[in-house]
Amino acid sequence: QKIEEAFQNLKKLLEKDDSTPDELLNADIAFHDAVSAATHNVLFQKVYSIILRLSRESRIMELNEIIANNEKPEMIETHRNEKDVILQRKKDNIYEEVQSGYKYFDIKINPRGGRDI
C-alpha cells in the first residue's frame, strides 16, 4: 500500500536527528500525495496540488517549529492516526484527524463543508 510506505518513510525521517525541514516536507508531501491518489478523485487531486504550491513556505515554517519544539513524535502520531483512519475506513473520525493536521495553521475544518479561519 502506497500510503503505508509513504508513512513509514516519513516516520523514518522524523526519527532521525539530522533530517532537514526540506527532507521532511518532501516526505510529508509524498504521504499526502499517496492519500490524494487513493481518493481516485481528479478534482480533489488538482485542488490538493494547488494548495501544496501555495502553502510551501508556511509548511517549511511549520516544520521548523516542530523541530524547534521537539514535536516530531507528535507529527508521527498525527500522520499514523490519519493513515489508520483512511486505511481502516473510519469515517466517523476523518474530520477530527484532518483537523489535527492543521494544528499550526489555526484552520478549523467544518464537517458540513467549508472552513473557519
C-alpha atoms as a PDB file:
ATOM      1  CA  GLN A   1       0.000   0.000   0.000  1.00  0.00           C
ATOM      2  CA  LYS A   2       1.449   3.366  -1.040  1.00  0.00           C
ATOM      3  CA  ILE A   3       0.007   5.212   1.963  1.00  0.00           C
ATOM      4  CA  GLU A   4       1.726   2.813   4.373  1.00  0.00           C
ATOM      5  CA  GLU A   5       5.050   3.086   2.508  1.00  0.00           C
ATOM      6  CA  ALA A   6       4.892   6.877   2.471  1.00  0.00           C
ATOM      7  CA  PHE A   7       4.056   6.916   6.192  1.00  0.00           C
ATOM      8  CA  GLN A   8       6.998   4.622   7.009  1.00  0.00           C
ATOM      9  CA  ASN A   9       9.374   6.861   5.023  1.00  0.00           C
ATOM     10  CA  LEU A  10       8.109   9.994   6.802  1.00  0.00           C
ATOM     11  CA  LYS A  11       8.355   8.256  10.178  1.00  0.00           C
ATOM     12  CA  LYS A  12      11.935   7.151   9.455  1.00  0.00           C
ATOM     13  CA  LEU A  13      12.956  10.731   8.620  1.00  0.00           C
ATOM     14  CA  LEU A  14      11.174  12.136  11.675  1.00  0.00           C
ATOM     15  CA  GLU A  15      13.013   9.670  13.900  1.00  0.00           C
ATOM     16  CA  LYS A  16      16.392  10.842  12.567  1.00  0.00           C
ATOM     17  CA  ASP A  17      18.063  13.727  14.387  1.00  0.00           C
ATOM     18  CA  ASP A  18      19.591  15.241  11.260  1.00  0.00           C
ATOM     19  CA  SER A  19      16.591  15.412   8.894  1.00  0.00           C
ATOM     20  CA  THR A  20      16.178  18.838   7.338  1.00  0.00           C
ATOM     21  CA  PRO A  21      12.853  20.681   7.005  1.00  0.00           C
ATOM     22  CA  ASP A  22      13.092  20.222   3.224  1.00  0.00           C
ATOM     23  CA  GLU A  23      13.510  16.449   3.571  1.00  0.00           C
ATOM     24  CA  LEU A  24      10.596  16.306   5.989  1.00  0.00           C
ATOM     25  CA  LEU A  25       8.444  18.460   3.722  1.00  0.00           C
ATOM     26  CA  ASN A  26       9.143  16.217   0.737  1.00  0.00           C
ATOM     27  CA  ALA A  27       8.259  13.116   2.781  1.00  0.00           C
ATOM     28  CA  ASP A  28       5.125  14.817   4.127  1.00  0.00           C
ATOM     29  CA  ILE A  29       4.102  15.763   0.593  1.00  0.00           C
ATOM     30  CA  ALA A  30       4.707  12.175  -0.561  1.00  0.00           C
ATOM     31  CA  PHE A  31       2.444  10.925   2.236  1.00  0.00           C
ATOM     32  CA  HIS A  32      -0.344  13.333   1.340  1.00  0.00           C
ATOM     33  CA  ASP A  33       0.162  12.610  -2.378  1.00  0.00           C
ATOM     34  CA  ALA A  34      -0.465   8.936  -1.628  1.00  0.00           C
ATOM     35  CA  VAL A  35      -3.610   9.863   0.298  1.00  0.00           C
ATOM     36  CA  SER A  36      -4.735  12.136  -2.534  1.00  0.00           C
ATOM     37  CA  ALA A  37      -4.124   9.446  -5.166  1.00  0.00           C
ATOM     38  CA  ALA A  38      -6.132   6.953  -3.113  1.00  0.00           C
ATOM     39  CA  THR A  39      -9.225   9.124  -3.491  1.00  0.00           C
ATOM     40  CA  HIS A  40      -9.270   8.478  -7.264  1.00  0.00           C
ATOM     41  CA  ASN A  41     -10.826  11.948  -7.482  1.00  0.00           C
ATOM     42  CA  VAL A  42      -9.108  14.064 -10.147  1.00  0.00           C
ATOM     43  CA  LEU A  43     -10.661  17.330  -8.922  1.00  0.00           C
ATOM     44  CA  PHE A  44      -9.502  16.685  -5.354  1.00  0.00           C
ATOM     45  CA  GLN A  45      -6.012  15.871  -6.614  1.00  0.00           C
ATOM     46  CA  LYS A  46      -5.806  19.116  -8.625  1.00  0.00           C
ATOM     47  CA  VAL A  47      -7.030  21.258  -5.707  1.00  0.00           C
ATOM     48  CA  TYR A  48      -4.594  19.495  -3.390  1.00  0.00           C
ATOM     49  CA  SER A  49      -1.730  20.184  -5.807  1.00  0.00           C
ATOM     50  CA  ILE A  50      -2.571  23.893  -5.846  1.00  0.00           C
ATOM     51  CA  ILE A  51      -2.746  24.007  -2.050  1.00  0.00           C
ATOM     52  CA  LEU A  52       0.694  22.395  -1.845  1.00  0.00           C
ATOM     53  CA  ARG A  53       2.227  25.013  -4.113  1.00  0.00           C
ATOM     54  CA  LEU A  54       0.612  27.878  -2.232  1.00  0.00           C
ATOM     55  CA  SER A  55       1.485  26.600   1.241  1.00  0.00           C
ATOM     56  CA  ARG A  56       5.102  25.509   0.724  1.00  0.00           C
ATOM     57  CA  GLU A  57       6.687  28.371   2.678  1.00  0.00           C
ATOM     58  CA  SER A  58       4.239  28.159   5.582  1.00  0.00           C
ATOM     59  CA  ARG A  59       4.736  24.398   5.749  1.00  0.00           C
ATOM     60  CA  ILE A  60       8.524  24.874   5.966  1.00  0.00           C
ATOM     61  CA  MET A  61       7.921  27.322   8.817  1.00  0.00           C
ATOM     62  CA  GLU A  62       5.637  24.754  10.460  1.00  0.00           C
ATOM     63  CA  LEU A  63       8.334  22.074  10.187  1.00  0.00           C
ATOM     64  CA  ASN A  64      10.956  24.415  11.663  1.00  0.00           C
ATOM     65  CA  GLU A  65       8.597  24.980  14.595  1.00  0.00           C
ATOM     66  CA  ILE A  66       8.023  21.233  15.008  1.00  0.00           C
ATOM     67  CA  ILE A  67      11.788  20.629  15.074  1.00  0.00           C
ATOM     68  CA  ALA A  68      12.465  23.536  17.449  1.00  0.00           C
ATOM     69  CA  ASN A  69       9.709  22.440  19.851  1.00  0.00           C
ATOM     70  CA  ASN A  70      10.776  18.790  19.713  1.00  0.00           C
ATOM     71  CA  GLU A  71       7.356  17.779  18.379  1.00  0.00           C
ATOM     72  CA  LYS A  72       8.452  15.163  15.854  1.00  0.00           C
ATOM     73  CA  PRO A  73       6.823  12.330  17.862  1.00  0.00           C
ATOM     74  CA  GLU A  74       3.533  14.233  17.768  1.00  0.00           C
ATOM     75  CA  MET A  75       3.835  14.615  13.986  1.00  0.00           C
ATOM     76  CA  ILE A  76       4.408  10.866  13.660  1.00  0.00           C
ATOM     77  CA  GLU A  77       1.333  10.161  15.765  1.00  0.00           C
ATOM     78  CA  THR A  78      -0.812  12.630  13.783  1.00  0.00           C
ATOM     79  CA  HIS A  79       0.158  11.001  10.492  1.00  0.00           C
ATOM     80  CA  ARG A  80      -0.266   7.487  11.939  1.00  0.00           C
ATOM     81  CA  ASN A  81      -3.785   8.410  13.029  1.00  0.00           C
ATOM     82  CA  GLU A  82      -4.593   9.897   9.612  1.00  0.00           C
ATOM     83  CA  LYS A  83      -3.271   6.755   7.911  1.00  0.00           C
ATOM     84  CA  ASP A  84      -5.268   4.465  10.189  1.00  0.00           C
ATOM     85  CA  VAL A  85      -8.490   6.411   9.686  1.00  0.00           C
ATOM     86  CA  ILE A  86      -8.062   6.151   5.917  1.00  0.00           C
ATOM     87  CA  LEU A  87      -6.892   2.547   5.691  1.00  0.00           C
ATOM     88  CA  GLN A  88      -9.447   1.303   8.229  1.00  0.00           C
ATOM     89  CA  ARG A  89     -12.177   3.492   6.690  1.00  0.00           C
ATOM     90  CA  LYS A  90     -13.139   5.099   9.999  1.00  0.00           C
ATOM     91  CA  LYS A  91     -15.472   7.687   8.503  1.00  0.00           C
ATOM     92  CA  ASP A  92     -16.630   8.976  11.888  1.00  0.00           C
ATOM     93  CA  ASN A  93     -13.078  10.085  12.770  1.00  0.00           C
ATOM     94  CA  ILE A  94     -11.993  11.688   9.500  1.00  0.00           C
ATOM     95  CA  TYR A  95     -12.757  15.332  10.350  1.00  0.00           C
ATOM     96  CA  GLU A  96     -11.060  15.079  13.740  1.00  0.00           C
ATOM     97  CA  GLU A  97      -7.905  13.647  12.180  1.00  0.00           C
ATOM     98  CA  VAL A  98      -7.821  16.140   9.307  1.00  0.00           C
ATOM     99  CA  GLN A  99      -8.273  18.966  11.820  1.00  0.00           C
ATOM    100  CA  SER A 100      -5.358  17.700  13.914  1.00  0.00           C
ATOM    101  CA  GLY A 101      -3.109  18.069  10.856  1.00  0.00           C
ATOM    102  CA  TYR A 102      -3.811  21.803  10.759  1.00  0.00           C
ATOM    103  CA  LYS A 103      -2.604  22.485  14.293  1.00  0.00           C
ATOM    104  CA  TYR A 104      -0.059  25.115  13.298  1.00  0.00           C
ATOM    105  CA  PHE A 105      -2.228  26.801  10.682  1.00  0.00           C
ATOM    106  CA  ASP A 106      -5.127  27.580  13.062  1.00  0.00           C
ATOM    107  CA  ILE A 107      -7.656  26.415  10.462  1.00  0.00           C
ATOM    108  CA  LYS A 108     -10.879  24.809  11.581  1.00  0.00           C
ATOM    109  CA  ILE A 109     -12.474  22.304   9.204  1.00  0.00           C
ATOM    110  CA  ASN A 110     -16.274  22.370   9.183  1.00  0.00           C
ATOM    111  CA  PRO A 111     -17.663  18.842   8.593  1.00  0.00           C
ATOM    112  CA  ARG A 112     -20.681  20.324   6.818  1.00  0.00           C
ATOM    113  CA  GLY A 113     -18.416  21.968   4.247  1.00  0.00           C
ATOM    114  CA  GLY A 114     -16.109  24.935   4.197  1.00  0.00           C
ATOM    115  CA  ARG A 115     -13.642  26.012   6.826  1.00  0.00           C
ATOM    116  CA  ASP A 116     -13.296  28.608   9.533  1.00  0.00           C
ATOM    117  CA  ILE A 117     -10.103  30.615   9.965  1.00  0.00           C
END
